[in-house]
């Protein structure tokens, strides 16, 4: 079964600029994964 990779902005939906309001300005990126405190998450 062939796999289809969706490549947008050359980053496979994983780069910090993907989906940002201005992907050319790293200072404006909103990155929730950098702000979350994993200690608050329980299993």
C-alpha atoms as a PDB file:
ATOM      1  CA  UNK A   1       0.000   0.000   0.000  1.00  0.00           C
ATOM      2  CA  UNK A   2       1.609   3.263  -1.048  1.00  0.00           C
ATOM      3  CA  UNK A   3       1.865   6.001   1.525  1.00  0.00           C
ATOM      4  CA  UNK A   4       0.945   9.544   0.630  1.00  0.00           C
ATOM      5  CA  UNK A   5       2.948  12.285   2.360  1.00  0.00           C
ATOM      6  CA  UNK A   6       1.395  15.710   2.451  1.00  0.00           C
ATOM      7  CA  UNK A   7       4.244  18.166   2.143  1.00  0.00           C
ATOM      8  CA  UNK A   8       3.440  21.790   2.800  1.00  0.00           C
ATOM      9  CA  UNK A   9       6.159  24.380   3.243  1.00  0.00           C
ATOM     10  CA  UNK A  10       8.636  21.480   2.923  1.00  0.00           C
ATOM     11  CA  UNK A  11       8.120  20.262   6.477  1.00  0.00           C
ATOM     12  CA  UNK A  12       5.493  17.454   6.625  1.00  0.00           C
ATOM     13  CA  UNK A  13       3.309  19.412   9.083  1.00  0.00           C
ATOM     14  CA  UNK A  14       6.021  19.200  11.760  1.00  0.00           C
ATOM     15  CA  UNK A  15       8.056  22.388  11.418  1.00  0.00           C
ATOM     16  CA  UNK A  16       7.467  25.285  13.809  1.00  0.00           C
ATOM     17  CA  UNK A  17       6.335  27.634  11.029  1.00  0.00           C
ATOM     18  CA  UNK A  18       3.556  25.406   9.704  1.00  0.00           C
ATOM     19  CA  UNK A  19       0.109  26.861  10.316  1.00  0.00           C
ATOM     20  CA  UNK A  20       1.420  30.065  11.855  1.00  0.00           C
ATOM     21  CA  UNK A  21      -0.066  33.422  10.904  1.00  0.00           C
ATOM     22  CA  UNK A  22       3.284  34.578   9.461  1.00  0.00           C
ATOM     23  CA  UNK A  23       5.459  31.507   8.754  1.00  0.00           C
ATOM     24  CA  UNK A  24       8.376  33.745   7.718  1.00  0.00           C
ATOM     25  CA  UNK A  25       8.681  35.394  11.173  1.00  0.00           C
ATOM     26  CA  UNK A  26       9.916  32.944  13.841  1.00  0.00           C
ATOM     27  CA  UNK A  27       9.414  35.575  16.567  1.00  0.00           C
ATOM     28  CA  UNK A  28       5.639  35.439  16.028  1.00  0.00           C
ATOM     29  CA  UNK A  29       5.282  31.640  16.303  1.00  0.00           C
ATOM     30  CA  UNK A  30       2.868  30.296  18.919  1.00  0.00           C
ATOM     31  CA  UNK A  31       4.284  26.933  20.048  1.00  0.00           C
ATOM     32  CA  UNK A  32       2.102  25.321  22.734  1.00  0.00           C
ATOM     33  CA  UNK A  33       4.378  22.283  23.054  1.00  0.00           C
ATOM     34  CA  UNK A  34       7.105  24.537  24.473  1.00  0.00           C
ATOM     35  CA  UNK A  35       4.816  26.004  27.136  1.00  0.00           C
ATOM     36  CA  UNK A  36       3.026  22.903  28.443  1.00  0.00           C
ATOM     37  CA  UNK A  37       4.080  21.555  31.837  1.00  0.00           C
ATOM     38  CA  UNK A  38       4.018  17.762  31.676  1.00  0.00           C
ATOM     39  CA  UNK A  39       3.911  17.538  35.482  1.00  0.00           C
ATOM     40  CA  UNK A  40       0.277  18.704  35.324  1.00  0.00           C
ATOM     41  CA  UNK A  41      -0.742  15.761  33.116  1.00  0.00           C
ATOM     42  CA  UNK A  42      -1.642  12.552  34.902  1.00  0.00           C
ATOM     43  CA  UNK A  43      -2.205   9.150  33.382  1.00  0.00           C
END
